[in-house]
Protein backbone atom coordinates (compact mmCIF):
# COMPACT_ATOMS: atom_id res chain seq x y z
CA MET A 1 -5.86 8.22 80.35
CA THR A 2 -3.59 9.08 83.20
CA ALA A 3 -0.58 7.01 84.08
CA ASN A 4 -2.22 5.68 87.22
CA SER A 5 -5.60 4.90 85.67
CA HIS A 6 -4.53 1.25 85.43
CA GLN A 7 -3.60 1.04 89.11
CA PRO A 8 -5.96 -1.09 91.16
CA LEU A 9 -8.51 0.85 93.19
CA SER A 10 -6.84 -0.21 96.45
CA GLU A 11 -3.53 1.35 95.38
CA LYS A 12 -5.23 4.54 94.22
CA THR A 13 -7.04 4.70 97.55
CA LEU A 14 -3.83 4.20 99.51
CA LYS A 15 -2.13 6.97 97.54
CA TYR A 16 -5.14 9.25 98.04
CA VAL A 17 -5.06 8.74 101.82
CA LEU A 18 -1.31 9.37 102.01
CA GLU A 19 -1.75 12.63 100.10
CA ASN A 20 -4.89 13.80 101.93
CA TYR A 21 -4.57 12.45 105.48
CA ALA A 22 -4.74 15.97 106.95
CA ASP A 23 -8.12 16.72 105.35
CA PRO A 24 -10.75 16.86 108.11
CA GLY A 25 -13.33 15.55 105.64
CA LEU A 26 -11.33 12.46 104.75
CA GLY A 27 -13.38 9.34 105.21
CA VAL A 28 -14.68 6.31 103.40
CA ASN A 29 -17.64 8.16 101.90
CA THR A 30 -15.59 11.07 100.57
CA ILE A 31 -12.93 8.76 99.13
CA ALA A 32 -15.59 6.57 97.54
CA ALA A 33 -17.21 9.63 96.00
CA HIS A 34 -13.82 10.75 94.66
CA PHE A 35 -13.41 7.43 92.85
CA ALA A 36 -17.12 7.17 91.94
CA VAL A 37 -17.65 3.86 93.70
CA SER A 38 -19.78 2.83 96.65
CA SER A 39 -18.29 3.08 100.12
CA PHE A 40 -19.12 -0.60 100.67
CA TYR A 41 -17.21 -1.64 97.55
CA LEU A 42 -14.25 0.61 98.36
CA SER A 43 -14.03 -0.76 101.89
CA LYS A 44 -14.20 -4.34 100.66
CA VAL A 45 -11.49 -3.84 98.02
CA PHE A 46 -9.20 -2.00 100.44
CA LYS A 47 -9.51 -4.62 103.18
CA ALA A 48 -8.91 -7.46 100.71
CA SER A 49 -5.67 -5.79 99.58
CA TYR A 50 -4.27 -4.46 102.85
CA LYS A 51 -5.89 -6.59 105.60
CA HIS A 52 -6.95 -3.38 107.36
CA THR A 53 -10.19 -1.50 107.12
CA LEU A 54 -9.88 1.84 105.40
CA VAL A 55 -10.99 3.67 108.55
CA ASP A 56 -8.35 1.88 110.61
CA PHE A 57 -5.69 2.67 108.02
CA ILE A 58 -6.57 6.38 108.03
CA HIS A 59 -6.39 6.53 111.83
CA GLU A 60 -3.21 4.47 112.03
CA TYR A 61 -1.46 6.62 109.43
CA ARG A 62 -2.53 9.84 111.14
CA LEU A 63 -1.35 8.50 114.49
CA GLU A 64 2.07 7.57 113.13
CA LYS A 65 2.33 11.19 112.00
CA ALA A 66 1.09 12.30 115.44
CA LYS A 67 3.83 10.31 117.17
CA GLU A 68 6.43 11.96 114.93
CA LEU A 69 5.03 15.42 115.75
CA ILE A 70 4.88 14.69 119.48
CA LYS A 71 8.55 13.73 119.44
CA THR A 72 9.49 17.13 117.97
CA ASN A 73 8.07 19.02 120.97
CA GLN A 74 7.12 21.83 118.56
CA TYR A 75 3.35 21.56 118.75
CA SER A 76 0.63 21.34 121.37
CA PHE A 77 -1.71 18.38 121.23
CA ALA A 78 -4.45 20.70 119.95
CA GLU A 79 -2.19 21.84 117.10
CA ILE A 80 -1.25 18.25 116.25
CA SER A 81 -4.91 17.31 116.26
CA GLU A 82 -5.67 20.11 113.79
CA ILE A 83 -2.63 19.37 111.60
CA LEU A 84 -3.80 15.77 111.23
CA GLY A 85 -7.36 16.62 110.28
CA TYR A 86 -9.19 15.87 113.50
CA ASN A 87 -11.98 18.41 114.03
CA HIS A 88 -11.85 18.13 117.82
CA ILE A 89 -9.02 17.40 120.22
CA ARG A 90 -11.36 15.07 122.11
CA THR A 91 -11.67 12.91 118.99
CA PHE A 92 -7.89 12.93 118.57
CA ASN A 93 -7.38 11.92 122.21
CA ARG A 94 -10.00 9.14 122.00
CA VAL A 95 -8.59 7.72 118.76
CA PHE A 96 -5.00 7.98 120.02
CA LYS A 97 -5.90 6.07 123.21
CA LYS A 98 -7.81 3.41 121.23
CA TYR A 99 -5.03 2.69 118.74
CA ILE A 100 -1.88 3.46 120.75
CA GLY A 101 -3.09 2.34 124.16
CA ALA A 102 -2.17 5.59 125.89
CA THR A 103 -3.27 9.20 125.76
CA PRO A 104 -1.04 11.61 123.83
CA SER A 105 0.33 13.00 127.11
CA GLU A 106 1.01 9.49 128.47
CA TYR A 107 2.76 8.64 125.22
CA LYS A 108 4.87 11.80 125.41
CA LYS A 109 5.92 10.99 128.98
CA SER A 110 6.86 7.45 127.96
CA ILE A 111 9.27 8.65 125.27
CA THR A 112 11.03 11.32 127.30
């Protein structure tokens, strides 16, 4: 048995997301498959522990990383999108606007 085999599933899931947030295939179904549980069960357990859906948590974590990368001025929005595991910049822009309330370029202007 591994040291973390006694961790609750929600904690294992959180750790998995933090380690794999940049994987374009990261989602409820792939995480559930990794832990050999149903996606419904995983979602229920995660929400009960963290008061956020797993999908929301993945997006929110990625977007916190996006905001850090935007502040560095080292990467284009397309590069940031790719770094964070979004397959298309349009998806990144849509998710950013939904969760942050501004497009990435509007956000960048607001912090400069």
